Amino acid sequence: MLHGPIIPSVIAYALPIILSSFLQILYNAADVAAVGNLATRTDVAAVGATTIIVNVFLVSKTVKTYL
């Protein structure tokens, strides 16, 4: 990453993080939809409240994998 053009290096570094975040958004949307059909509003709120915690954990894990 220290030599050569910077744009390809930045893209190669950011692409796994972007893909991981996109898949996590899809997972959370499916999770909220499933809980919304089967449970109460409080349960859906609980899923939404923990979404950011899970996202931070998974993105940090992805970043550590590619460093």
PDB file of N, CA and C in Angstrom:
ATOM      1  N   MET A   1       0.799  -1.196   0.000  1.00  0.00           N
ATOM      2  CA  MET A   1       0.000   0.000   0.000  1.00  0.00           C
ATOM      3  C   MET A   1       0.844   1.264   0.000  1.00  0.00           C
ATOM      4  N   LEU A   2       2.110   1.145   0.252  1.00  0.00           N
ATOM      5  CA  LEU A   2       2.949   2.332   0.342  1.00  0.00           C
ATOM      6  C   LEU A   2       3.578   2.728  -0.982  1.00  0.00           C
ATOM      7  N   HIS A   3       3.508   1.852  -1.966  1.00  0.00           N
ATOM      8  CA  HIS A   3       4.148   2.145  -3.247  1.00  0.00           C
ATOM      9  C   HIS A   3       3.121   2.031  -4.359  1.00  0.00           C
ATOM     10  N   GLY A   4       3.302   2.843  -5.391  1.00  0.00           N
ATOM     11  CA  GLY A   4       2.399   2.786  -6.532  1.00  0.00           C
ATOM     12  C   GLY A   4       1.210   3.720  -6.377  1.00  0.00           C
ATOM     13  N   PRO A   5       0.268   3.608  -7.313  1.00  0.00           N
ATOM     14  CA  PRO A   5      -0.906   4.483  -7.262  1.00  0.00           C
ATOM     15  C   PRO A   5      -1.765   4.206  -6.014  1.00  0.00           C
ATOM     16  N   ILE A   6      -2.312   5.270  -5.457  1.00  0.00           N
ATOM     17  CA  ILE A   6      -3.037   5.122  -4.195  1.00  0.00           C
ATOM     18  C   ILE A   6      -4.484   4.657  -4.395  1.00  0.00           C
ATOM     19  N   ILE A   7      -5.119   5.035  -5.490  1.00  0.00           N
ATOM     20  CA  ILE A   7      -6.539   4.706  -5.683  1.00  0.00           C
ATOM     21  C   ILE A   7      -6.789   3.194  -5.702  1.00  0.00           C
ATOM     22  N   PRO A   8      -6.037   2.395  -6.476  1.00  0.00           N
ATOM     23  CA  PRO A   8      -6.280   0.949  -6.427  1.00  0.00           C
ATOM     24  C   PRO A   8      -6.050   0.349  -5.040  1.00  0.00           C
ATOM     25  N   SER A   9      -5.088   0.872  -4.306  1.00  0.00           N
ATOM     26  CA  SER A   9      -4.823   0.376  -2.957  1.00  0.00           C
ATOM     27  C   SER A   9      -5.976   0.694  -2.013  1.00  0.00           C
ATOM     28  N   VAL A  10      -6.514   1.891  -2.121  1.00  0.00           N
ATOM     29  CA  VAL A  10      -7.635   2.282  -1.265  1.00  0.00           C
ATOM     30  C   VAL A  10      -8.868   1.448  -1.600  1.00  0.00           C
ATOM     31  N   ILE A  11      -9.115   1.219  -2.872  1.00  0.00           N
ATOM     32  CA  ILE A  11     -10.252   0.398  -3.286  1.00  0.00           C
ATOM     33  C   ILE A  11     -10.083  -1.035  -2.799  1.00  0.00           C
ATOM     34  N   ALA A  12      -8.900  -1.579  -2.948  1.00  0.00           N
ATOM     35  CA  ALA A  12      -8.649  -2.945  -2.492  1.00  0.00           C
ATOM     36  C   ALA A  12      -8.808  -3.058  -0.980  1.00  0.00           C
ATOM     37  N   TYR A  13      -8.484  -2.024  -0.251  1.00  0.00           N
ATOM     38  CA  TYR A  13      -8.638  -2.032   1.202  1.00  0.00           C
ATOM     39  C   TYR A  13     -10.100  -1.845   1.609  1.00  0.00           C
ATOM     40  N   ALA A  14     -10.823  -0.967   0.902  1.00  0.00           N
ATOM     41  CA  ALA A  14     -12.188  -0.620   1.294  1.00  0.00           C
ATOM     42  C   ALA A  14     -13.235  -1.606   0.799  1.00  0.00           C
ATOM     43  N   LEU A  15     -12.978  -2.301  -0.286  1.00  0.00           N
ATOM     44  CA  LEU A  15     -13.986  -3.182  -0.876  1.00  0.00           C
ATOM     45  C   LEU A  15     -14.490  -4.269   0.076  1.00  0.00           C
ATOM     46  N   PRO A  16     -13.637  -4.995   0.784  1.00  0.00           N
ATOM     47  CA  PRO A  16     -14.160  -5.999   1.722  1.00  0.00           C
ATOM     48  C   PRO A  16     -15.006  -5.389   2.844  1.00  0.00           C
ATOM     49  N   ILE A  17     -14.637  -4.207   3.287  1.00  0.00           N
ATOM     50  CA  ILE A  17     -15.405  -3.544   4.337  1.00  0.00           C
ATOM     51  C   ILE A  17     -16.772  -3.129   3.806  1.00  0.00           C
ATOM     52  N   ILE A  18     -16.818  -2.599   2.604  1.00  0.00           N
ATOM     53  CA  ILE A  18     -18.078  -2.192   1.996  1.00  0.00           C
ATOM     54  C   ILE A  18     -18.975  -3.397   1.772  1.00  0.00           C
ATOM     55  N   LEU A  19     -18.434  -4.474   1.251  1.00  0.00           N
ATOM     56  CA  LEU A  19     -19.235  -5.683   1.017  1.00  0.00           C
ATOM     57  C   LEU A  19     -19.737  -6.281   2.322  1.00  0.00           C
ATOM     58  N   SER A  20     -18.902  -6.301   3.328  1.00  0.00           N
ATOM     59  CA  SER A  20     -19.316  -6.812   4.627  1.00  0.00           C
ATOM     60  C   SER A  20     -20.438  -5.968   5.217  1.00  0.00           C
ATOM     61  N   SER A  21     -20.326  -4.667   5.115  1.00  0.00           N
ATOM     62  CA  SER A  21     -21.370  -3.782   5.630  1.00  0.00           C
ATOM     63  C   SER A  21     -22.672  -3.968   4.875  1.00  0.00           C
ATOM     64  N   PHE A  22     -22.600  -4.121   3.560  1.00  0.00           N
ATOM     65  CA  PHE A  22     -23.802  -4.321   2.746  1.00  0.00           C
ATOM     66  C   PHE A  22     -24.505  -5.628   3.121  1.00  0.00           C
ATOM     67  N   LEU A  23     -23.741  -6.690   3.277  1.00  0.00           N
ATOM     68  CA  LEU A  23     -24.340  -7.967   3.680  1.00  0.00           C
ATOM     69  C   LEU A  23     -24.938  -7.884   5.077  1.00  0.00           C
ATOM     70  N   GLN A  24     -24.309  -7.143   5.962  1.00  0.00           N
ATOM     71  CA  GLN A  24     -24.854  -6.984   7.303  1.00  0.00           C
ATOM     72  C   GLN A  24     -26.157  -6.193   7.280  1.00  0.00           C
ATOM     73  N   ILE A  25     -26.265  -5.199   6.420  1.00  0.00           N
ATOM     74  CA  ILE A  25     -27.512  -4.450   6.278  1.00  0.00           C
ATOM     75  C   ILE A  25     -28.625  -5.363   5.778  1.00  0.00           C
ATOM     76  N   LEU A  26     -28.315  -6.205   4.801  1.00  0.00           N
ATOM     77  CA  LEU A  26     -29.322  -7.155   4.306  1.00  0.00           C
ATOM     78  C   LEU A  26     -29.748  -8.129   5.398  1.00  0.00           C
ATOM     79  N   TYR A  27     -28.802  -8.610   6.164  1.00  0.00           N
ATOM     80  CA  TYR A  27     -29.108  -9.529   7.266  1.00  0.00           C
ATOM     81  C   TYR A  27     -30.010  -8.855   8.292  1.00  0.00           C
ATOM     82  N   ASN A  28     -29.691  -7.625   8.657  1.00  0.00           N
ATOM     83  CA  ASN A  28     -30.491  -6.917   9.652  1.00  0.00           C
ATOM     84  C   ASN A  28     -31.889  -6.603   9.128  1.00  0.00           C
ATOM     85  N   ALA A  29     -32.006  -6.279   7.844  1.00  0.00           N
ATOM     86  CA  ALA A  29     -33.330  -6.030   7.267  1.00  0.00           C
ATOM     87  C   ALA A  29     -34.180  -7.294   7.309  1.00  0.00           C
ATOM     88  N   ALA A  30     -33.590  -8.432   6.993  1.00  0.00           N
ATOM     89  CA  ALA A  30     -34.326  -9.698   7.055  1.00  0.00           C
ATOM     90  C   ALA A  30     -34.688 -10.036   8.497  1.00  0.00           C
ATOM     91  N   ASP A  31     -33.782  -9.743   9.411  1.00  0.00           N
ATOM     92  CA  ASP A  31     -34.037 -10.013  10.821  1.00  0.00           C
ATOM     93  C   ASP A  31     -35.204  -9.168  11.340  1.00  0.00           C
ATOM     94  N   VAL A  32     -35.222  -7.893  11.014  1.00  0.00           N
ATOM     95  CA  VAL A  32     -36.309  -7.018  11.441  1.00  0.00           C
ATOM     96  C   VAL A  32     -37.623  -7.447  10.798  1.00  0.00           C
ATOM     97  N   ALA A  33     -37.594  -7.852   9.547  1.00  0.00           N
ATOM     98  CA  ALA A  33     -38.810  -8.299   8.876  1.00  0.00           C
ATOM     99  C   ALA A  33     -39.358  -9.562   9.536  1.00  0.00           C
ATOM    100  N   ALA A  34     -38.499 -10.500   9.854  1.00  0.00           N
ATOM    101  CA  ALA A  34     -38.945 -11.743  10.486  1.00  0.00           C
ATOM    102  C   ALA A  34     -39.487 -11.480  11.890  1.00  0.00           C
ATOM    103  N   VAL A  35     -38.766 -10.675  12.661  1.00  0.00           N
ATOM    104  CA  VAL A  35     -39.228 -10.363  14.016  1.00  0.00           C
ATOM    105  C   VAL A  35     -40.506  -9.532  13.960  1.00  0.00           C
ATOM    106  N   GLY A  36     -40.600  -8.636  12.986  1.00  0.00           N
ATOM    107  CA  GLY A  36     -41.798  -7.813  12.841  1.00  0.00           C
ATOM    108  C   GLY A  36     -43.040  -8.628  12.545  1.00  0.00           C
ATOM    109  N   ASN A  37     -42.889  -9.723  11.838  1.00  0.00           N
ATOM    110  CA  ASN A  37     -44.036 -10.573  11.528  1.00  0.00           C
ATOM    111  C   ASN A  37     -44.417 -11.482  12.688  1.00  0.00           C
ATOM    112  N   LEU A  38     -43.496 -11.767  13.576  1.00  0.00           N
ATOM    113  CA  LEU A  38     -43.752 -12.761  14.618  1.00  0.00           C
ATOM    114  C   LEU A  38     -43.824 -12.203  16.038  1.00  0.00           C
ATOM    115  N   ALA A  39     -43.413 -10.962  16.240  1.00  0.00           N
ATOM    116  CA  ALA A  39     -43.286 -10.468  17.609  1.00  0.00           C
ATOM    117  C   ALA A  39     -43.902  -9.079  17.752  1.00  0.00           C
ATOM    118  N   THR A  40     -43.674  -8.479  18.902  1.00  0.00           N
ATOM    119  CA  THR A  40     -44.255  -7.170  19.212  1.00  0.00           C
ATOM    120  C   THR A  40     -43.329  -6.037  18.767  1.00  0.00           C
ATOM    121  N   ARG A  41     -43.826  -4.810  18.921  1.00  0.00           N
ATOM    122  CA  ARG A  41     -43.029  -3.636  18.546  1.00  0.00           C
ATOM    123  C   ARG A  41     -41.791  -3.503  19.427  1.00  0.00           C
ATOM    124  N   THR A  42     -41.900  -3.899  20.664  1.00  0.00           N
ATOM    125  CA  THR A  42     -40.757  -3.841  21.580  1.00  0.00           C
ATOM    126  C   THR A  42     -39.642  -4.774  21.117  1.00  0.00           C
ATOM    127  N   ASP A  43     -40.017  -5.940  20.619  1.00  0.00           N
ATOM    128  CA  ASP A  43     -39.014  -6.890  20.124  1.00  0.00           C
ATOM    129  C   ASP A  43     -38.310  -6.348  18.880  1.00  0.00           C
ATOM    130  N   VAL A  44     -39.074  -5.695  18.014  1.00  0.00           N
ATOM    131  CA  VAL A  44     -38.467  -5.083  16.817  1.00  0.00           C
ATOM    132  C   VAL A  44     -37.525  -3.962  17.225  1.00  0.00           C
ATOM    133  N   ALA A  45     -37.908  -3.181  18.230  1.00  0.00           N
ATOM    134  CA  ALA A  45     -37.041  -2.110  18.724  1.00  0.00           C
ATOM    135  C   ALA A  45     -35.747  -2.676  19.309  1.00  0.00           C
ATOM    136  N   ALA A  46     -35.845  -3.812  19.972  1.00  0.00           N
ATOM    137  CA  ALA A  46     -34.644  -4.443  20.537  1.00  0.00           C
ATOM    138  C   ALA A  46     -33.690  -4.877  19.432  1.00  0.00           C
ATOM    139  N   VAL A  47     -34.234  -5.414  18.358  1.00  0.00           N
ATOM    140  CA  VAL A  47     -33.387  -5.809  17.224  1.00  0.00           C
ATOM    141  C   VAL A  47     -32.724  -4.574  16.622  1.00  0.00           C
ATOM    142  N   GLY A  48     -33.494  -3.510  16.450  1.00  0.00           N
ATOM    143  CA  GLY A  48     -32.936  -2.274  15.895  1.00  0.00           C
ATOM    144  C   GLY A  48     -31.890  -1.641  16.789  1.00  0.00           C
ATOM    145  N   ALA A  49     -32.082  -1.748  18.103  1.00  0.00           N
ATOM    146  CA  ALA A  49     -31.137  -1.137  19.040  1.00  0.00           C
ATOM    147  C   ALA A  49     -29.801  -1.864  19.063  1.00  0.00           C
ATOM    148  N   THR A  50     -29.800  -3.141  18.797  1.00  0.00           N
ATOM    149  CA  THR A  50     -28.543  -3.900  18.828  1.00  0.00           C
ATOM    150  C   THR A  50     -27.853  -3.968  17.475  1.00  0.00           C
ATOM    151  N   THR A  51     -28.502  -3.466  16.444  1.00  0.00           N
ATOM    152  CA  THR A  51     -27.931  -3.524  15.094  1.00  0.00           C
ATOM    153  C   THR A  51     -26.585  -2.816  15.021  1.00  0.00           C
ATOM    154  N   ILE A  52     -26.484  -1.621  15.597  1.00  0.00           N
ATOM    155  CA  ILE A  52     -25.231  -0.863  15.508  1.00  0.00           C
ATOM    156  C   ILE A  52     -24.105  -1.567  16.248  1.00  0.00           C
ATOM    157  N   ILE A  53     -24.411  -2.220  17.346  1.00  0.00           N
ATOM    158  CA  ILE A  53     -23.380  -2.948  18.098  1.00  0.00           C
ATOM    159  C   ILE A  53     -22.826  -4.097  17.259  1.00  0.00           C
ATOM    160  N   VAL A  54     -23.709  -4.825  16.624  1.00  0.00           N
ATOM    161  CA  VAL A  54     -23.284  -5.943  15.771  1.00  0.00           C
ATOM    162  C   VAL A  54     -22.485  -5.422  14.585  1.00  0.00           C
ATOM    163  N   ASN A  55     -22.928  -4.320  13.977  1.00  0.00           N
ATOM    164  CA  ASN A  55     -22.203  -3.758  12.833  1.00  0.00           C
ATOM    165  C   ASN A  55     -20.790  -3.325  13.210  1.00  0.00           C
ATOM    166  N   VAL A  56     -20.639  -2.667  14.333  1.00  0.00           N
ATOM    167  CA  VAL A  56     -19.310  -2.228  14.773  1.00  0.00           C
ATOM    168  C   VAL A  56     -18.407  -3.431  15.008  1.00  0.00           C
ATOM    169  N   PHE A  57     -18.936  -4.463  15.637  1.00  0.00           N
ATOM    170  CA  PHE A  57     -18.152  -5.661  15.888  1.00  0.00           C
ATOM    171  C   PHE A  57     -17.704  -6.317  14.584  1.00  0.00           C
ATOM    172  N   LEU A  58     -18.623  -6.486  13.642  1.00  0.00           N
ATOM    173  CA  LEU A  58     -18.284  -7.185  12.402  1.00  0.00           C
ATOM    174  C   LEU A  58     -17.353  -6.372  11.502  1.00  0.00           C
ATOM    175  N   VAL A  59     -17.541  -5.062  11.447  1.00  0.00           N
ATOM    176  CA  VAL A  59     -16.653  -4.243  10.634  1.00  0.00           C
ATOM    177  C   VAL A  59     -15.251  -4.228  11.240  1.00  0.00           C
ATOM    178  N   SER A  60     -15.153  -4.143  12.547  1.00  0.00           N
ATOM    179  CA  SER A  60     -13.820  -4.167  13.164  1.00  0.00           C
ATOM    180  C   SER A  60     -13.149  -5.516  12.923  1.00  0.00           C
ATOM    181  N   LYS A  61     -13.927  -6.585  12.924  1.00  0.00           N
ATOM    182  CA  LYS A  61     -13.379  -7.916  12.650  1.00  0.00           C
ATOM    183  C   LYS A  61     -12.906  -7.993  11.192  1.00  0.00           C
ATOM    184  N   THR A  62     -13.657  -7.412  10.276  1.00  0.00           N
ATOM    185  CA  THR A  62     -13.275  -7.387   8.867  1.00  0.00           C
ATOM    186  C   THR A  62     -11.994  -6.587   8.664  1.00  0.00           C
ATOM    187  N   VAL A  63     -11.894  -5.452   9.312  1.00  0.00           N
ATOM    188  CA  VAL A  63     -10.704  -4.611   9.169  1.00  0.00           C
ATOM    189  C   VAL A  63      -9.475  -5.337   9.702  1.00  0.00           C
ATOM    190  N   LYS A  64      -9.591  -6.023  10.844  1.00  0.00           N
ATOM    191  CA  LYS A  64      -8.456  -6.756  11.393  1.00  0.00           C
ATOM    192  C   LYS A  64      -8.038  -7.896  10.484  1.00  0.00           C
ATOM    193  N   THR A  65      -8.988  -8.502   9.785  1.00  0.00           N
ATOM    194  CA  THR A  65      -8.675  -9.602   8.888  1.00  0.00           C
ATOM    195  C   THR A  65      -7.826  -9.136   7.711  1.00  0.00           C
ATOM    196  N   TYR A  66      -8.096  -7.927   7.196  1.00  0.00           N
ATOM    197  CA  TYR A  66      -7.419  -7.467   5.991  1.00  0.00           C
ATOM    198  C   TYR A  66      -6.223  -6.570   6.261  1.00  0.00           C
ATOM    199  N   LEU A  67      -5.856  -6.376   7.517  1.00  0.00           N
ATOM    200  CA  LEU A  67      -4.662  -5.562   7.806  1.00  0.00           C
ATOM    201  C   LEU A  67      -3.404  -6.389   7.732  1.00  0.00           C
TER     202      LEU A  67
END
